[in-house]
N, C-alpha and C. Protein backbone atom coordinates (compact mmCIF):
# COMPACT_ATOMS: atom_id res chain seq x y z
N UNK A 1 17.75 107.69 145.79
CA UNK A 1 17.34 108.19 146.88
C UNK A 1 17.41 109.65 147.20
N UNK A 2 18.09 110.54 146.53
CA UNK A 2 17.94 112.14 147.00
C UNK A 2 16.69 112.34 146.20
N UNK A 3 15.40 111.31 145.36
CA UNK A 3 14.73 112.07 144.95
C UNK A 3 13.24 111.70 145.88
N UNK A 4 13.63 110.14 146.66
CA UNK A 4 12.96 110.24 147.87
C UNK A 4 12.58 111.17 149.19
N UNK A 5 13.86 112.33 149.18
CA UNK A 5 13.37 113.11 150.18
C UNK A 5 13.52 114.35 149.30
N UNK A 6 14.07 114.91 148.25
CA UNK A 6 13.20 116.11 147.67
C UNK A 6 11.73 116.10 147.38
N UNK A 7 11.58 115.43 146.51
CA UNK A 7 10.06 115.29 146.65
C UNK A 7 9.00 115.53 147.19
N UNK A 8 9.09 115.32 148.43
CA UNK A 8 8.64 115.58 149.39
C UNK A 8 8.40 116.99 149.92
N UNK A 9 9.38 117.36 150.17
CA UNK A 9 10.29 118.23 150.69
C UNK A 9 9.44 119.59 149.88
N UNK A 10 9.86 119.06 148.22
CA UNK A 10 9.44 120.53 147.53
C UNK A 10 7.76 120.82 147.59
N UNK A 11 7.05 119.55 147.83
CA UNK A 11 6.11 119.29 147.83
C UNK A 11 5.18 120.25 149.31
N UNK A 12 5.77 119.54 150.32
CA UNK A 12 5.21 120.35 151.51
C UNK A 12 5.93 122.07 151.86
N UNK A 13 6.87 122.30 150.91
CA UNK A 13 7.50 123.59 151.13
C UNK A 13 6.49 124.41 150.13
N UNK A 14 5.68 124.06 148.75
CA UNK A 14 5.31 124.58 148.00
C UNK A 14 3.59 124.92 148.52
N UNK A 15 3.00 123.50 149.03
CA UNK A 15 2.08 124.03 150.34
C UNK A 15 1.98 125.01 150.99
N UNK A 16 3.40 124.82 151.87
CA UNK A 16 3.17 125.88 153.25
C UNK A 16 3.54 127.47 152.47
N UNK A 17 4.14 127.74 151.69
CA UNK A 17 4.10 128.57 151.16
C UNK A 17 2.70 128.93 150.60
N UNK A 18 2.12 127.97 149.59
CA UNK A 18 0.32 128.94 149.73
C UNK A 18 -0.82 129.26 150.69
N UNK A 19 -0.36 128.50 151.51
CA UNK A 19 -1.03 128.65 153.05
C UNK A 19 -0.83 129.64 153.40
N UNK A 20 0.24 130.24 153.45
CA UNK A 20 1.21 131.50 153.97
C UNK A 20 0.77 133.31 153.37
N UNK A 21 0.80 132.47 151.78
CA UNK A 21 0.54 133.57 151.10
C UNK A 21 -1.29 133.95 151.57
N UNK A 22 -1.68 133.04 151.27
CA UNK A 22 -3.46 132.46 151.90
C UNK A 22 -3.65 133.75 152.79
N UNK A 23 -2.73 133.43 153.85
CA UNK A 23 -3.28 133.66 155.25
C UNK A 23 -2.59 135.09 155.05
N UNK A 24 -1.51 135.66 154.90
CA UNK A 24 -1.52 137.45 154.66
C UNK A 24 -2.26 137.75 154.01
N UNK A 25 -2.78 137.12 152.86
CA UNK A 25 -3.94 138.08 151.59
C UNK A 25 -4.80 137.85 152.25
N UNK A 26 -5.40 137.20 153.43
CA UNK A 26 -6.44 137.33 154.02
C UNK A 26 -6.46 138.67 155.47
N UNK A 27 -5.52 138.78 156.03
CA UNK A 27 -5.16 139.45 157.36
C UNK A 27 -5.09 141.32 156.48
N UNK A 28 -4.99 141.10 154.91
CA UNK A 28 -4.74 142.67 154.95
C UNK A 28 -5.80 143.02 154.40
N UNK A 29 -6.79 142.23 153.76
CA UNK A 29 -8.09 142.18 153.37
C UNK A 29 -8.92 142.73 154.77
N UNK A 30 -9.01 141.89 155.43
CA UNK A 30 -9.80 141.98 156.72
C UNK A 30 -9.32 143.56 157.16
N UNK A 31 -8.14 143.31 157.59
CA UNK A 31 -8.02 145.02 157.81
C UNK A 31 -7.80 146.03 157.20
N UNK A 32 -8.27 145.86 155.98
CA UNK A 32 -8.29 146.65 154.94
C UNK A 32 -10.61 147.31 154.92
N UNK A 33 -11.14 145.74 155.54
CA UNK A 33 -12.37 146.61 155.82
C UNK A 33 -12.76 146.89 157.01
N UNK A 34 -11.77 147.04 157.72
CA UNK A 34 -11.93 147.48 159.57
C UNK A 34 -11.97 149.14 159.33
N UNK A 35 -10.98 149.63 158.02
CA UNK A 35 -10.40 150.90 158.27
C UNK A 35 -11.61 151.30 156.89
N UNK A 36 -12.49 152.89 157.89
CA UNK A 36 -13.27 153.42 157.57
C UNK A 36 -13.01 154.11 156.54
N UNK A 37 -11.83 154.53 156.71
CA UNK A 37 -10.93 155.70 155.18
C UNK A 37 -10.42 155.06 154.15
N UNK A 38 -10.62 153.68 154.05
CA UNK A 38 -9.83 152.73 152.77
C UNK A 38 -11.02 153.51 151.51
N UNK A 39 -10.01 153.48 150.25
CA UNK A 39 -11.36 153.72 149.94
C UNK A 39 -12.12 152.11 148.75
N UNK A 40 -13.24 152.62 148.56
CA UNK A 40 -14.13 151.54 148.14
C UNK A 40 -14.24 151.29 146.45
N UNK A 41 -14.33 149.71 146.46
CA UNK A 41 -14.45 149.41 145.27
C UNK A 41 -15.67 149.89 143.98
N UNK A 42 -15.09 149.90 143.34
CA UNK A 42 -15.94 150.50 141.69
C UNK A 42 -17.00 149.50 141.99
N UNK A 43 -17.54 148.39 142.45
CA UNK A 43 -18.48 147.33 142.09
C UNK A 43 -19.34 147.46 143.46
N UNK A 44 -18.54 148.38 144.72
CA UNK A 44 -19.58 148.65 145.80
C UNK A 44 -20.48 149.52 145.05
N UNK A 45 -22.52 149.16 145.88
CA UNK A 45 -23.24 149.51 146.05
C UNK A 45 -23.03 151.23 145.83
N UNK A 46 -22.67 151.74 147.10
CA UNK A 46 -22.50 153.31 147.43
C UNK A 46 -21.55 154.19 146.52
N UNK A 47 -20.96 153.49 145.70
CA UNK A 47 -19.23 153.93 144.86
C UNK A 47 -19.65 153.99 143.14
N UNK A 48 -19.51 155.00 142.62
CA UNK A 48 -19.90 155.56 141.09
C UNK A 48 -19.47 154.29 140.54
N UNK A 49 -19.73 153.54 139.54
CA UNK A 49 -19.37 152.70 138.87
C UNK A 49 -17.99 153.63 137.90
N UNK A 50 -18.25 154.66 137.46
CA UNK A 50 -17.16 155.46 136.55
C UNK A 50 -16.16 155.87 137.16
N UNK A 51 -15.60 156.30 138.73
CA UNK A 51 -15.04 156.70 139.41
C UNK A 51 -13.38 155.29 139.16
N UNK A 52 -12.30 156.38 139.55
CA UNK A 52 -11.32 155.12 139.48
C UNK A 52 -11.44 154.40 140.48
N UNK A 53 -10.77 153.32 140.31
CA UNK A 53 -10.67 151.84 141.24
C UNK A 53 -9.73 151.86 141.80
N UNK A 54 -9.87 151.66 143.19
CA UNK A 54 -9.54 151.56 144.64
C UNK A 54 -8.07 151.48 144.84
N UNK A 55 -7.79 151.03 143.68
CA UNK A 55 -6.21 149.84 143.93
C UNK A 55 -5.31 150.67 143.14
N UNK A 56 -6.05 151.99 142.41
CA UNK A 56 -4.81 152.75 141.52
C UNK A 56 -4.88 153.92 141.56
């Protein structure tokens, strides 16, 4: 009986956690794209490939 309730709760809890994590990451990415002062990635076309990475 406990498994009948526990398994769906854990499954949907994990799914909800993944969706919330993705939404927060998307929001942070969009805000960083809007910021003109944010450092560019070394993969950007107008950034030196041998510079320090933006996240370091």
